[in-house]
N, C-alpha and C. Protein backbone atom coordinates (compact mmCIF):
# COMPACT_ATOMS: atom_id res chain seq x y z
N UNK A 1 0.85 -1.18 0.00
CA UNK A 1 0.00 0.00 0.00
C UNK A 1 0.90 1.24 0.00
N UNK A 2 0.75 2.09 -1.02
CA UNK A 2 1.60 3.29 -1.08
C UNK A 2 1.26 4.28 0.03
N UNK A 3 2.25 5.05 0.39
CA UNK A 3 2.07 6.13 1.36
C UNK A 3 2.14 7.46 0.62
N UNK A 4 1.37 8.42 1.09
CA UNK A 4 1.44 9.78 0.57
C UNK A 4 1.98 10.65 1.70
N UNK A 5 3.11 11.27 1.42
CA UNK A 5 3.76 12.13 2.40
C UNK A 5 3.50 13.58 1.99
N UNK A 6 2.72 14.28 2.79
CA UNK A 6 2.45 15.70 2.54
C UNK A 6 3.50 16.50 3.30
N UNK A 7 4.29 17.26 2.57
CA UNK A 7 5.30 18.10 3.21
C UNK A 7 4.62 19.21 3.99
N UNK A 8 5.28 19.72 5.03
CA UNK A 8 4.67 20.79 5.83
C UNK A 8 4.26 21.99 4.97
N UNK A 9 3.07 22.50 5.25
CA UNK A 9 2.54 23.69 4.60
C UNK A 9 1.84 24.49 5.69
N UNK A 10 2.20 25.74 5.82
CA UNK A 10 1.71 26.59 6.90
C UNK A 10 0.19 26.57 7.04
N UNK A 11 -0.53 26.60 5.93
CA UNK A 11 -1.99 26.69 5.97
C UNK A 11 -2.68 25.33 6.05
N UNK A 12 -2.23 24.38 5.26
CA UNK A 12 -2.98 23.13 5.09
C UNK A 12 -2.51 21.99 5.99
N UNK A 13 -1.23 21.98 6.31
CA UNK A 13 -0.67 20.83 7.01
C UNK A 13 0.63 21.25 7.70
N UNK A 14 0.53 22.04 8.77
CA UNK A 14 1.71 22.66 9.37
C UNK A 14 2.82 21.69 9.78
N UNK A 15 2.45 20.51 10.21
CA UNK A 15 3.44 19.54 10.67
C UNK A 15 3.84 18.53 9.60
N UNK A 16 3.18 18.60 8.44
CA UNK A 16 3.36 17.54 7.46
C UNK A 16 2.54 16.34 7.89
N UNK A 17 2.39 15.36 7.00
CA UNK A 17 1.57 14.21 7.34
C UNK A 17 1.92 13.05 6.42
N UNK A 18 1.84 11.84 6.95
CA UNK A 18 2.02 10.63 6.16
C UNK A 18 0.72 9.84 6.27
N UNK A 19 0.14 9.51 5.12
CA UNK A 19 -1.12 8.76 5.11
C UNK A 19 -1.01 7.58 4.15
N UNK A 20 -1.78 6.54 4.43
CA UNK A 20 -1.86 5.40 3.54
C UNK A 20 -2.85 5.71 2.42
N UNK A 21 -2.56 5.19 1.25
CA UNK A 21 -3.46 5.31 0.11
C UNK A 21 -3.45 3.99 -0.63
N UNK A 22 -4.44 3.76 -1.43
CA UNK A 22 -4.48 2.56 -2.26
C UNK A 22 -4.25 2.97 -3.70
N UNK A 23 -3.59 2.10 -4.45
CA UNK A 23 -3.44 2.36 -5.88
C UNK A 23 -4.83 2.56 -6.47
N UNK A 24 -4.98 3.61 -7.26
CA UNK A 24 -6.28 3.94 -7.85
C UNK A 24 -7.02 5.05 -7.13
N UNK A 25 -6.56 5.41 -5.92
CA UNK A 25 -7.20 6.50 -5.18
C UNK A 25 -6.90 7.84 -5.85
N UNK A 26 -7.82 8.77 -5.71
CA UNK A 26 -7.64 10.14 -6.19
C UNK A 26 -6.86 10.91 -5.13
N UNK A 27 -5.81 11.61 -5.53
CA UNK A 27 -4.93 12.30 -4.58
C UNK A 27 -5.66 13.37 -3.78
N UNK A 28 -6.53 14.14 -4.41
CA UNK A 28 -7.29 15.16 -3.68
C UNK A 28 -8.16 14.53 -2.61
N UNK A 29 -8.81 13.41 -2.93
CA UNK A 29 -9.65 12.72 -1.95
C UNK A 29 -8.81 12.14 -0.82
N UNK A 30 -7.63 11.61 -1.14
CA UNK A 30 -6.73 11.11 -0.10
C UNK A 30 -6.40 12.24 0.87
N UNK A 31 -6.07 13.41 0.33
CA UNK A 31 -5.75 14.57 1.17
C UNK A 31 -6.93 14.94 2.06
N UNK A 32 -8.09 15.08 1.48
CA UNK A 32 -9.26 15.49 2.25
C UNK A 32 -9.64 14.47 3.31
N UNK A 33 -9.55 13.18 2.97
CA UNK A 33 -9.86 12.14 3.95
C UNK A 33 -8.91 12.17 5.14
N UNK A 34 -7.70 12.69 4.92
CA UNK A 34 -6.70 12.79 5.99
C UNK A 34 -6.78 14.13 6.73
N UNK A 35 -7.69 15.00 6.31
CA UNK A 35 -7.82 16.30 6.95
C UNK A 35 -6.94 17.38 6.36
N UNK A 36 -6.32 17.10 5.21
CA UNK A 36 -5.51 18.09 4.51
C UNK A 36 -6.43 18.76 3.50
N UNK A 37 -6.93 19.92 3.83
CA UNK A 37 -7.99 20.57 3.05
C UNK A 37 -7.45 21.41 1.90
N UNK A 38 -6.91 20.74 0.89
CA UNK A 38 -6.43 21.43 -0.30
C UNK A 38 -7.64 22.10 -0.97
N UNK A 39 -7.47 23.35 -1.39
CA UNK A 39 -8.55 24.06 -2.08
C UNK A 39 -8.92 23.33 -3.36
N UNK A 40 -10.18 23.45 -3.76
CA UNK A 40 -10.66 22.84 -5.01
C UNK A 40 -11.91 23.59 -5.46
N UNK A 41 -11.71 24.80 -5.95
CA UNK A 41 -12.81 25.70 -6.30
C UNK A 41 -13.76 25.11 -7.33
N UNK A 42 -13.28 24.25 -8.19
CA UNK A 42 -14.12 23.69 -9.25
C UNK A 42 -14.69 22.32 -8.87
N UNK A 43 -14.55 21.94 -7.60
CA UNK A 43 -15.03 20.64 -7.12
C UNK A 43 -14.38 19.46 -7.84
N UNK A 44 -13.13 19.63 -8.23
CA UNK A 44 -12.40 18.52 -8.83
C UNK A 44 -12.73 18.23 -10.27
N UNK A 45 -13.19 19.24 -11.00
CA UNK A 45 -13.59 19.02 -12.40
C UNK A 45 -12.54 19.49 -13.40
N UNK A 46 -11.34 19.79 -12.94
CA UNK A 46 -10.23 20.21 -13.80
C UNK A 46 -10.55 21.53 -14.51
N UNK A 47 -11.20 22.45 -13.77
CA UNK A 47 -11.56 23.74 -14.36
C UNK A 47 -10.89 24.91 -13.64
N UNK A 48 -9.95 24.62 -12.74
CA UNK A 48 -9.21 25.67 -12.05
C UNK A 48 -7.84 25.12 -11.66
N UNK A 49 -7.06 25.90 -10.96
CA UNK A 49 -5.74 25.43 -10.53
C UNK A 49 -5.56 25.48 -9.02
N UNK A 50 -6.64 25.60 -8.27
CA UNK A 50 -6.52 25.76 -6.83
C UNK A 50 -5.99 24.52 -6.13
N UNK A 51 -6.07 23.35 -6.75
CA UNK A 51 -5.57 22.12 -6.13
C UNK A 51 -4.18 21.75 -6.65
N UNK A 52 -3.49 22.72 -7.24
CA UNK A 52 -2.14 22.50 -7.77
C UNK A 52 -1.20 22.00 -6.67
N UNK A 53 -0.47 20.92 -6.96
CA UNK A 53 0.55 20.40 -6.07
C UNK A 53 1.80 20.10 -6.89
N UNK A 54 2.91 19.94 -6.18
CA UNK A 54 4.16 19.53 -6.82
C UNK A 54 4.52 18.16 -6.25
N UNK A 55 4.72 17.20 -7.13
CA UNK A 55 5.05 15.84 -6.73
C UNK A 55 6.57 15.75 -6.64
N UNK A 56 7.10 15.75 -5.43
CA UNK A 56 8.55 15.74 -5.22
C UNK A 56 9.16 14.35 -5.41
N UNK A 57 8.38 13.30 -5.14
CA UNK A 57 8.83 11.93 -5.38
C UNK A 57 7.63 11.10 -5.79
N UNK A 58 7.85 10.16 -6.71
CA UNK A 58 6.79 9.25 -7.15
C UNK A 58 6.01 9.74 -8.35
N UNK A 59 6.46 10.81 -9.00
CA UNK A 59 5.72 11.41 -10.11
C UNK A 59 5.40 10.39 -11.20
N UNK A 60 6.36 9.55 -11.54
CA UNK A 60 6.18 8.61 -12.65
C UNK A 60 5.18 7.50 -12.35
N UNK A 61 4.81 7.33 -11.07
CA UNK A 61 3.84 6.29 -10.74
C UNK A 61 2.40 6.77 -10.89
N UNK A 62 2.22 8.08 -11.09
CA UNK A 62 0.87 8.63 -11.28
C UNK A 62 0.38 8.38 -12.70
N UNK A 63 -0.93 8.49 -12.87
CA UNK A 63 -1.50 8.44 -14.22
C UNK A 63 -0.96 9.61 -15.04
N UNK A 64 -1.02 9.49 -16.34
CA UNK A 64 -0.55 10.57 -17.22
C UNK A 64 -1.55 11.73 -17.20
N UNK A 65 -1.03 12.94 -17.22
CA UNK A 65 -1.89 14.13 -17.25
C UNK A 65 -2.60 14.23 -18.60
N UNK A 66 -3.87 14.59 -18.55
CA UNK A 66 -4.64 14.79 -19.79
C UNK A 66 -4.27 16.13 -20.41
N UNK A 67 -4.66 16.32 -21.66
CA UNK A 67 -4.44 17.62 -22.32
C UNK A 67 -5.15 18.73 -21.56
N UNK A 68 -6.35 18.45 -21.06
CA UNK A 68 -7.10 19.46 -20.31
C UNK A 68 -6.33 19.87 -19.04
N UNK A 69 -5.79 18.88 -18.33
CA UNK A 69 -5.02 19.20 -17.13
C UNK A 69 -3.77 20.01 -17.49
N UNK A 70 -3.07 19.61 -18.54
CA UNK A 70 -1.88 20.35 -18.98
C UNK A 70 -2.22 21.80 -19.30
N UNK A 71 -3.35 22.01 -19.98
CA UNK A 71 -3.79 23.37 -20.31
C UNK A 71 -4.06 24.19 -19.05
N UNK A 72 -4.71 23.57 -18.06
CA UNK A 72 -4.99 24.28 -16.81
C UNK A 72 -3.69 24.57 -16.05
N UNK A 73 -2.78 23.62 -16.04
CA UNK A 73 -1.52 23.81 -15.32
C UNK A 73 -0.73 25.00 -15.85
N UNK A 74 -0.89 25.30 -17.13
CA UNK A 74 -0.21 26.46 -17.70
C UNK A 74 -0.59 27.75 -16.98
N UNK A 75 -1.72 27.75 -16.29
CA UNK A 75 -2.22 28.93 -15.57
C UNK A 75 -1.86 28.91 -14.09
N UNK A 76 -1.23 27.84 -13.62
CA UNK A 76 -0.94 27.69 -12.20
C UNK A 76 0.21 28.58 -11.76
N UNK A 77 0.11 29.13 -10.55
CA UNK A 77 1.18 29.91 -9.97
C UNK A 77 2.29 28.95 -9.54
N UNK A 78 3.53 29.27 -9.85
CA UNK A 78 4.66 28.46 -9.40
C UNK A 78 4.77 27.12 -10.10
N UNK A 79 4.38 27.05 -11.35
CA UNK A 79 4.42 25.80 -12.11
C UNK A 79 5.83 25.23 -12.16
N UNK A 80 5.94 23.92 -11.94
CA UNK A 80 7.21 23.22 -12.02
C UNK A 80 7.04 22.00 -12.93
N UNK A 81 8.13 21.37 -13.29
CA UNK A 81 8.07 20.20 -14.17
C UNK A 81 7.23 19.08 -13.56
N UNK A 82 7.23 18.98 -12.23
CA UNK A 82 6.50 17.90 -11.56
C UNK A 82 5.20 18.40 -10.94
N UNK A 83 4.61 19.45 -11.50
CA UNK A 83 3.33 19.97 -11.04
C UNK A 83 2.19 19.12 -11.57
N UNK A 84 1.17 18.97 -10.76
CA UNK A 84 -0.07 18.29 -11.17
C UNK A 84 -1.24 18.96 -10.45
N UNK A 85 -2.44 18.73 -10.97
CA UNK A 85 -3.66 19.09 -10.26
C UNK A 85 -4.04 17.86 -9.44
N UNK A 86 -4.13 18.02 -8.13
CA UNK A 86 -4.37 16.85 -7.28
C UNK A 86 -5.71 16.18 -7.58
N UNK A 87 -6.67 16.94 -8.10
CA UNK A 87 -7.97 16.36 -8.43
C UNK A 87 -7.89 15.40 -9.61
N UNK A 88 -6.81 15.47 -10.37
CA UNK A 88 -6.66 14.63 -11.56
C UNK A 88 -5.64 13.51 -11.36
N UNK A 89 -4.98 13.46 -10.21
CA UNK A 89 -3.95 12.46 -9.95
C UNK A 89 -4.56 11.17 -9.42
N UNK A 90 -4.18 10.07 -10.05
CA UNK A 90 -4.56 8.75 -9.57
C UNK A 90 -3.30 8.12 -8.99
N UNK A 91 -3.36 7.75 -7.71
CA UNK A 91 -2.22 7.18 -7.01
C UNK A 91 -1.84 5.85 -7.67
N UNK A 92 -0.54 5.66 -7.85
CA UNK A 92 -0.03 4.41 -8.40
C UNK A 92 0.46 3.49 -7.30
N UNK A 93 1.49 2.69 -7.60
CA UNK A 93 1.99 1.70 -6.64
C UNK A 93 3.14 2.21 -5.78
N UNK A 94 3.64 3.41 -6.06
CA UNK A 94 4.79 3.94 -5.32
C UNK A 94 4.35 5.01 -4.32
N UNK A 95 5.19 5.19 -3.30
CA UNK A 95 4.96 6.28 -2.35
C UNK A 95 5.09 7.62 -3.08
N UNK A 96 4.37 8.61 -2.57
CA UNK A 96 4.42 9.97 -3.13
C UNK A 96 4.88 10.95 -2.07
N UNK A 97 5.65 11.92 -2.48
CA UNK A 97 5.98 13.06 -1.62
C UNK A 97 5.36 14.27 -2.31
N UNK A 98 4.43 14.93 -1.61
CA UNK A 98 3.62 15.99 -2.19
C UNK A 98 3.87 17.31 -1.48
N UNK A 99 4.16 18.34 -2.26
CA UNK A 99 4.29 19.69 -1.74
C UNK A 99 3.09 20.51 -2.19
N UNK A 100 2.44 21.15 -1.25
CA UNK A 100 1.33 22.05 -1.57
C UNK A 100 1.92 23.46 -1.64
N UNK A 101 1.89 24.09 -2.83
CA UNK A 101 2.49 25.43 -2.95
C UNK A 101 1.85 26.43 -1.98
N UNK A 102 2.62 27.42 -1.61
CA UNK A 102 2.14 28.44 -0.67
C UNK A 102 0.99 29.24 -1.26
N UNK A 103 1.03 29.48 -2.57
CA UNK A 103 0.00 30.29 -3.22
C UNK A 103 -0.67 29.50 -4.33
N UNK A 104 -1.90 29.89 -4.67
CA UNK A 104 -2.56 29.35 -5.86
C UNK A 104 -3.40 30.45 -6.49
N UNK A 105 -3.78 30.20 -7.72
CA UNK A 105 -4.61 31.15 -8.46
C UNK A 105 -5.90 30.44 -8.84
N UNK A 106 -7.01 31.06 -8.56
CA UNK A 106 -8.30 30.45 -8.88
C UNK A 106 -8.74 30.90 -10.26
N UNK A 107 -8.75 29.95 -11.19
CA UNK A 107 -9.17 30.24 -12.56
C UNK A 107 -10.53 29.62 -12.88
N UNK A 108 -11.30 29.25 -11.87
CA UNK A 108 -12.60 28.64 -12.12
C UNK A 108 -13.52 29.67 -12.78
N UNK A 109 -14.23 29.23 -13.77
CA UNK A 109 -15.22 30.11 -14.42
C UNK A 109 -16.49 30.06 -13.60
N UNK A 110 -16.94 31.21 -13.16
CA UNK A 110 -18.16 31.28 -12.37
C UNK A 110 -19.26 31.91 -13.21
N UNK A 111 -20.41 31.30 -13.16
CA UNK A 111 -21.55 31.81 -13.92
C UNK A 111 -22.06 33.10 -13.28
N UNK A 112 -22.50 34.01 -14.10
CA UNK A 112 -23.08 35.27 -13.59
C UNK A 112 -24.42 34.97 -12.96
N UNK A 113 -24.69 35.61 -11.84
CA UNK A 113 -25.97 35.38 -11.14
C UNK A 113 -26.95 36.48 -11.46
């Protein structure tokens, strides 16, 4: 069973955290189930970048990013080569080390009321 190691983040996980995950689990759901409340303005529909994370270890064990995710990531603050949207990540068989960036940009399209 892979482990997900969330590096310390002042807002979301001050002490850092190690949680168990199963291959096939969604990374955003793993975080939320562990009490790591990563923002997700679009409810995980790949329409914003608020759940942007950087995968410090285990990147190659994740599912491949879709074209839609790649397009959204282009708008993310602090984009790195190992950046992903946590709502689109499917945990593989390897442990992950995840960094939640200090800042994010909300690009969700909101309907006019």
